[in-house]
Structures are given as C-alpha cells and as structure tokens.
Amino acid sequence: MKIAIPSQENSVCPHFGHCESFTIVEVEDGKVVSKKNMTPPAHEPGLLPRVLAGEGVNVVIAGGMGSRAQQLFGQQNIQVVVGASGVVDDVLAAYLDGSLKTGTNVCDH
C-alpha cells in the first residue's frame, strides 16, 4: 500500500491543493518500507489524482480537500481521509495503528 500525505515542512498541509510537497510512504505488513517527498506539479484541476495514481498511491490523508477532488480520487480508486492534522510521521503512525482521529474537512467547498 502507498499513502500520500500533502505536507508543509513536517506537518499535514491543511489545504490539499496548495501543499509544498507530498510525503509518499510505502507500507508492507503495517510497516513503512520506503518514504520519499515529491514536489507536486503546478496546480491544475484534476491533475493530482492522476499523478498520485501513477505513483501507485492507494490512500491520501489530508487536512482538507474539496468534494470535486475527492470524486476524482475515487475515480482513480484512491481512498481519501480528510480532517487530519499534525506531524506527518505521527499522523501516519496513527493511521497505521487505527487510532487516527480526524476533525472537520478544512476546505470542503
């Protein structure tokens, strides 16, 4: 499984489409086997779901994401989790152990 987290420095970026990078983590048997940062392409509606699908991403964990973007990820068979906040590594660990607590989608528009 591959997980992408839009990040700003070491924290989850509150607005998916405006992140400075994506932390992409490959997980096998519940353990992180690789981790990389990817600079996103210029913001263009509908592009990021295709790019992340091309990277093999199965899950996106974000602070906030508009409903249209969520639909586009769904079309790529990528699960979306919104309302996450905090340090990327902490959010990832909580997701993997089933304890991730999410809040409100900060940019549902």
N, C-alpha and C. Protein backbone atom coordinates (compact mmCIF):
# COMPACT_ATOMS: atom_id res chain seq x y z
N MET A 1 0.85 -1.17 0.00
CA MET A 1 0.00 0.00 0.00
C MET A 1 0.90 1.23 0.00
N LYS A 2 0.48 2.25 -0.74
CA LYS A 2 1.18 3.53 -0.75
C LYS A 2 0.22 4.60 -0.25
N ILE A 3 0.74 5.44 0.62
CA ILE A 3 -0.03 6.52 1.24
C ILE A 3 0.64 7.84 0.88
N ALA A 4 -0.16 8.82 0.45
CA ALA A 4 0.35 10.16 0.16
C ALA A 4 -0.25 11.13 1.17
N ILE A 5 0.62 11.97 1.73
CA ILE A 5 0.17 12.98 2.69
C ILE A 5 0.68 14.33 2.20
N PRO A 6 -0.24 15.25 1.84
CA PRO A 6 0.20 16.59 1.45
C PRO A 6 0.84 17.25 2.66
N SER A 7 2.05 17.74 2.49
CA SER A 7 2.78 18.24 3.64
C SER A 7 3.36 19.63 3.40
N GLN A 8 3.57 20.27 4.52
CA GLN A 8 4.19 21.59 4.55
C GLN A 8 5.19 21.51 5.69
N GLU A 9 6.47 21.55 5.37
CA GLU A 9 7.53 21.23 6.31
C GLU A 9 7.27 19.80 6.81
N ASN A 10 7.10 19.58 8.09
CA ASN A 10 6.88 18.22 8.58
C ASN A 10 5.44 17.97 9.01
N SER A 11 4.54 18.87 8.65
CA SER A 11 3.15 18.75 9.09
C SER A 11 2.21 18.53 7.91
N VAL A 12 1.03 17.98 8.23
CA VAL A 12 0.00 17.81 7.21
C VAL A 12 -0.45 19.20 6.78
N CYS A 13 -0.45 19.44 5.48
CA CYS A 13 -0.89 20.73 4.95
C CYS A 13 -2.41 20.81 5.05
N PRO A 14 -2.95 21.91 5.59
CA PRO A 14 -4.40 21.98 5.75
C PRO A 14 -5.17 22.02 4.43
N HIS A 15 -4.56 22.50 3.35
CA HIS A 15 -5.26 22.58 2.07
C HIS A 15 -4.52 21.74 1.04
N PHE A 16 -5.12 20.64 0.67
CA PHE A 16 -4.54 19.65 -0.24
C PHE A 16 -3.90 20.27 -1.49
N GLY A 17 -4.63 21.14 -2.17
CA GLY A 17 -4.17 21.67 -3.46
C GLY A 17 -3.07 22.70 -3.38
N HIS A 18 -2.68 23.07 -2.17
CA HIS A 18 -1.66 24.11 -2.03
C HIS A 18 -0.46 23.65 -1.22
N CYS A 19 -0.22 22.36 -1.17
CA CYS A 19 0.90 21.84 -0.37
C CYS A 19 2.22 22.08 -1.10
N GLU A 20 3.30 22.11 -0.31
CA GLU A 20 4.62 22.29 -0.91
C GLU A 20 5.22 20.97 -1.37
N SER A 21 4.74 19.86 -0.78
CA SER A 21 5.22 18.55 -1.21
C SER A 21 4.23 17.48 -0.76
N PHE A 22 4.43 16.29 -1.28
CA PHE A 22 3.69 15.11 -0.83
C PHE A 22 4.70 14.16 -0.20
N THR A 23 4.39 13.70 0.98
CA THR A 23 5.16 12.63 1.58
C THR A 23 4.49 11.33 1.12
N ILE A 24 5.23 10.53 0.38
CA ILE A 24 4.68 9.27 -0.14
C ILE A 24 5.39 8.13 0.58
N VAL A 25 4.58 7.31 1.22
CA VAL A 25 5.10 6.24 2.07
C VAL A 25 4.59 4.90 1.54
N GLU A 26 5.50 3.96 1.40
CA GLU A 26 5.10 2.60 1.03
C GLU A 26 5.08 1.76 2.30
N VAL A 27 3.98 1.03 2.48
CA VAL A 27 3.78 0.25 3.69
C VAL A 27 3.55 -1.21 3.30
N GLU A 28 4.25 -2.11 3.98
CA GLU A 28 4.04 -3.56 3.81
C GLU A 28 3.90 -4.18 5.19
N ASP A 29 2.88 -4.98 5.37
CA ASP A 29 2.63 -5.64 6.65
C ASP A 29 2.60 -4.66 7.81
N GLY A 30 2.03 -3.48 7.57
CA GLY A 30 1.87 -2.48 8.61
C GLY A 30 3.12 -1.70 8.95
N LYS A 31 4.20 -1.91 8.19
CA LYS A 31 5.46 -1.23 8.47
C LYS A 31 5.90 -0.40 7.27
N VAL A 32 6.48 0.75 7.54
CA VAL A 32 6.99 1.63 6.49
C VAL A 32 8.25 1.00 5.90
N VAL A 33 8.23 0.81 4.57
CA VAL A 33 9.41 0.24 3.90
C VAL A 33 10.14 1.28 3.05
N SER A 34 9.44 2.36 2.69
CA SER A 34 10.10 3.45 1.98
C SER A 34 9.30 4.73 2.17
N LYS A 35 10.02 5.84 2.06
CA LYS A 35 9.40 7.15 2.25
C LYS A 35 10.14 8.14 1.36
N LYS A 36 9.37 8.94 0.62
CA LYS A 36 10.00 9.97 -0.21
C LYS A 36 9.11 11.21 -0.24
N ASN A 37 9.72 12.31 -0.59
CA ASN A 37 8.97 13.55 -0.78
C ASN A 37 8.91 13.83 -2.27
N MET A 38 7.74 14.24 -2.72
CA MET A 38 7.53 14.55 -4.12
C MET A 38 7.00 15.97 -4.24
N THR A 39 7.62 16.77 -5.06
CA THR A 39 7.13 18.11 -5.33
C THR A 39 5.96 18.00 -6.29
N PRO A 40 4.81 18.59 -5.93
CA PRO A 40 3.65 18.46 -6.82
C PRO A 40 3.82 19.31 -8.08
N PRO A 41 3.17 18.90 -9.15
CA PRO A 41 3.18 19.72 -10.36
C PRO A 41 2.36 20.99 -10.10
N ALA A 42 2.45 21.94 -11.00
CA ALA A 42 1.65 23.17 -10.88
C ALA A 42 0.18 22.79 -10.71
N HIS A 43 -0.51 23.53 -9.86
CA HIS A 43 -1.92 23.22 -9.56
C HIS A 43 -2.77 23.34 -10.82
N GLU A 44 -3.43 22.26 -11.13
CA GLU A 44 -4.34 22.20 -12.28
C GLU A 44 -5.46 21.25 -11.89
N PRO A 45 -6.71 21.70 -11.98
CA PRO A 45 -7.82 20.83 -11.55
C PRO A 45 -7.76 19.46 -12.21
N GLY A 46 -7.84 18.42 -11.37
CA GLY A 46 -7.89 17.06 -11.86
C GLY A 46 -6.55 16.40 -12.10
N LEU A 47 -5.46 17.15 -12.03
CA LEU A 47 -4.15 16.58 -12.35
C LEU A 47 -3.58 15.73 -11.21
N LEU A 48 -3.66 16.19 -9.98
CA LEU A 48 -3.05 15.47 -8.87
C LEU A 48 -3.58 14.05 -8.67
N PRO A 49 -4.87 13.81 -8.80
CA PRO A 49 -5.32 12.41 -8.68
C PRO A 49 -4.66 11.49 -9.71
N ARG A 50 -4.47 11.96 -10.92
CA ARG A 50 -3.82 11.14 -11.94
C ARG A 50 -2.34 10.94 -11.63
N VAL A 51 -1.67 12.01 -11.18
CA VAL A 51 -0.25 11.91 -10.86
C VAL A 51 -0.02 10.94 -9.71
N LEU A 52 -0.82 11.06 -8.65
CA LEU A 52 -0.65 10.18 -7.50
C LEU A 52 -1.03 8.74 -7.83
N ALA A 53 -2.03 8.56 -8.68
CA ALA A 53 -2.37 7.21 -9.14
C ALA A 53 -1.19 6.61 -9.90
N GLY A 54 -0.53 7.42 -10.71
CA GLY A 54 0.66 6.97 -11.44
C GLY A 54 1.81 6.59 -10.52
N GLU A 55 1.82 7.15 -9.32
CA GLU A 55 2.83 6.80 -8.32
C GLU A 55 2.45 5.54 -7.55
N GLY A 56 1.24 5.01 -7.83
CA GLY A 56 0.79 3.81 -7.14
C GLY A 56 0.13 4.05 -5.80
N VAL A 57 -0.28 5.30 -5.55
CA VAL A 57 -0.89 5.66 -4.27
C VAL A 57 -2.28 5.03 -4.14
N ASN A 58 -2.57 4.48 -2.95
CA ASN A 58 -3.87 3.89 -2.65
C ASN A 58 -4.69 4.74 -1.70
N VAL A 59 -4.02 5.55 -0.87
CA VAL A 59 -4.68 6.34 0.17
C VAL A 59 -4.06 7.73 0.21
N VAL A 60 -4.90 8.76 0.34
CA VAL A 60 -4.44 10.12 0.59
C VAL A 60 -5.00 10.54 1.93
N ILE A 61 -4.13 11.03 2.80
CA ILE A 61 -4.54 11.55 4.10
C ILE A 61 -4.29 13.05 4.05
N ALA A 62 -5.35 13.85 4.20
CA ALA A 62 -5.22 15.29 4.04
C ALA A 62 -5.94 16.05 5.15
N GLY A 63 -5.56 17.30 5.29
CA GLY A 63 -6.27 18.18 6.21
C GLY A 63 -7.61 18.56 5.64
N GLY A 64 -7.60 18.99 4.41
CA GLY A 64 -8.83 19.38 3.75
C GLY A 64 -8.74 19.17 2.25
N MET A 65 -9.89 18.92 1.65
CA MET A 65 -9.95 18.67 0.21
C MET A 65 -11.37 18.92 -0.26
N GLY A 66 -11.51 19.61 -1.38
CA GLY A 66 -12.82 19.86 -1.95
C GLY A 66 -13.50 18.59 -2.43
N SER A 67 -14.81 18.65 -2.53
CA SER A 67 -15.58 17.46 -2.91
C SER A 67 -15.25 16.99 -4.32
N ARG A 68 -14.98 17.90 -5.23
CA ARG A 68 -14.65 17.50 -6.61
C ARG A 68 -13.35 16.71 -6.63
N ALA A 69 -12.35 17.18 -5.90
CA ALA A 69 -11.08 16.45 -5.84
C ALA A 69 -11.30 15.07 -5.24
N GLN A 70 -12.13 14.97 -4.21
CA GLN A 70 -12.42 13.67 -3.61
C GLN A 70 -13.06 12.73 -4.63
N GLN A 71 -13.96 13.26 -5.46
CA GLN A 71 -14.59 12.45 -6.50
C GLN A 71 -13.55 11.96 -7.51
N LEU A 72 -12.63 12.84 -7.88
CA LEU A 72 -11.60 12.47 -8.85
C LEU A 72 -10.67 11.39 -8.29
N PHE A 73 -10.37 11.47 -7.00
CA PHE A 73 -9.57 10.41 -6.39
C PHE A 73 -10.34 9.11 -6.38
N GLY A 74 -11.63 9.19 -6.10
CA GLY A 74 -12.47 7.99 -6.12
C GLY A 74 -12.46 7.31 -7.48
N GLN A 75 -12.45 8.12 -8.54
CA GLN A 75 -12.39 7.57 -9.89
C GLN A 75 -11.07 6.85 -10.16
N GLN A 76 -10.04 7.21 -9.40
CA GLN A 76 -8.72 6.56 -9.53
C GLN A 76 -8.56 5.42 -8.52
N ASN A 77 -9.66 5.09 -7.81
CA ASN A 77 -9.63 4.05 -6.78
C ASN A 77 -8.65 4.36 -5.65
N ILE A 78 -8.58 5.64 -5.30
CA ILE A 78 -7.74 6.10 -4.19
C ILE A 78 -8.66 6.54 -3.07
N GLN A 79 -8.47 5.94 -1.90
CA GLN A 79 -9.25 6.30 -0.71
C GLN A 79 -8.76 7.64 -0.18
N VAL A 80 -9.70 8.50 0.25
CA VAL A 80 -9.36 9.81 0.79
C VAL A 80 -9.79 9.87 2.25
N VAL A 81 -8.86 10.33 3.10
CA VAL A 81 -9.14 10.59 4.50
C VAL A 81 -8.89 12.07 4.72
N VAL A 82 -9.91 12.82 5.15
CA VAL A 82 -9.74 14.26 5.38
C VAL A 82 -9.94 14.59 6.85
N GLY A 83 -9.47 15.78 7.22
CA GLY A 83 -9.61 16.24 8.59
C GLY A 83 -8.42 15.89 9.46
N ALA A 84 -7.33 15.43 8.84
CA ALA A 84 -6.13 15.07 9.60
C ALA A 84 -5.30 16.33 9.86
N SER A 85 -4.59 16.32 10.97
CA SER A 85 -3.68 17.41 11.27
C SER A 85 -2.57 16.90 12.16
N GLY A 86 -1.45 17.61 12.12
CA GLY A 86 -0.32 17.25 12.97
C GLY A 86 0.92 16.92 12.17
N VAL A 87 1.89 16.38 12.86
CA VAL A 87 3.16 15.98 12.26
C VAL A 87 2.92 14.76 11.37
N VAL A 88 3.48 14.78 10.17
CA VAL A 88 3.26 13.72 9.19
C VAL A 88 3.53 12.34 9.76
N ASP A 89 4.67 12.15 10.42
CA ASP A 89 5.00 10.82 10.95
C ASP A 89 4.00 10.37 12.01
N ASP A 90 3.52 11.29 12.83
CA ASP A 90 2.53 10.95 13.86
C ASP A 90 1.19 10.57 13.24
N VAL A 91 0.78 11.33 12.22
CA VAL A 91 -0.48 11.04 11.52
C VAL A 91 -0.39 9.68 10.84
N LEU A 92 0.72 9.42 10.19
CA LEU A 92 0.92 8.13 9.53
C LEU A 92 0.86 6.98 10.54
N ALA A 93 1.57 7.11 11.65
CA ALA A 93 1.58 6.06 12.66
C ALA A 93 0.16 5.81 13.20
N ALA A 94 -0.57 6.89 13.44
CA ALA A 94 -1.94 6.75 13.95
C ALA A 94 -2.83 6.07 12.91
N TYR A 95 -2.67 6.41 11.64
CA TYR A 95 -3.46 5.77 10.59
C TYR A 95 -3.16 4.27 10.55
N LEU A 96 -1.88 3.94 10.61
CA LEU A 96 -1.49 2.53 10.50
C LEU A 96 -1.95 1.70 11.69
N ASP A 97 -2.02 2.31 12.88
CA ASP A 97 -2.46 1.52 14.03
C ASP A 97 -3.96 1.68 14.32
N GLY A 98 -4.66 2.39 13.43
CA GLY A 98 -6.11 2.51 13.55
C GLY A 98 -6.59 3.53 14.55
N SER A 99 -5.69 4.40 15.03
CA SER A 99 -6.08 5.38 16.04
C SER A 99 -6.18 6.81 15.52
N LEU A 100 -6.09 7.01 14.21
CA LEU A 100 -6.13 8.36 13.66
C LEU A 100 -7.48 9.01 13.94
N LYS A 101 -7.43 10.16 14.57
CA LYS A 101 -8.64 10.94 14.83
C LYS A 101 -8.64 12.11 13.86
N THR A 102 -9.73 12.25 13.14
CA THR A 102 -9.83 13.34 12.17
C THR A 102 -10.87 14.35 12.63
N GLY A 103 -10.68 15.56 12.19
CA GLY A 103 -11.61 16.63 12.51
C GLY A 103 -12.40 17.01 11.27
N THR A 104 -12.74 18.25 11.19
CA THR A 104 -13.51 18.78 10.08
C THR A 104 -12.64 18.93 8.84
N ASN A 105 -13.23 18.69 7.70
CA ASN A 105 -12.57 18.93 6.42
C ASN A 105 -12.41 20.44 6.30
N VAL A 106 -11.19 20.93 6.40
CA VAL A 106 -10.96 22.38 6.49
C VAL A 106 -11.18 23.13 5.17
N CYS A 107 -11.35 22.44 4.08
CA CYS A 107 -11.59 23.17 2.81
C CYS A 107 -12.64 22.48 1.96
N ASP A 108 -13.71 22.03 2.56
CA ASP A 108 -14.78 21.39 1.80
C ASP A 108 -15.62 22.47 1.13
N HIS A 109 -15.32 22.70 -0.15
CA HIS A 109 -16.05 23.74 -0.89
C HIS A 109 -16.41 23.22 -2.28
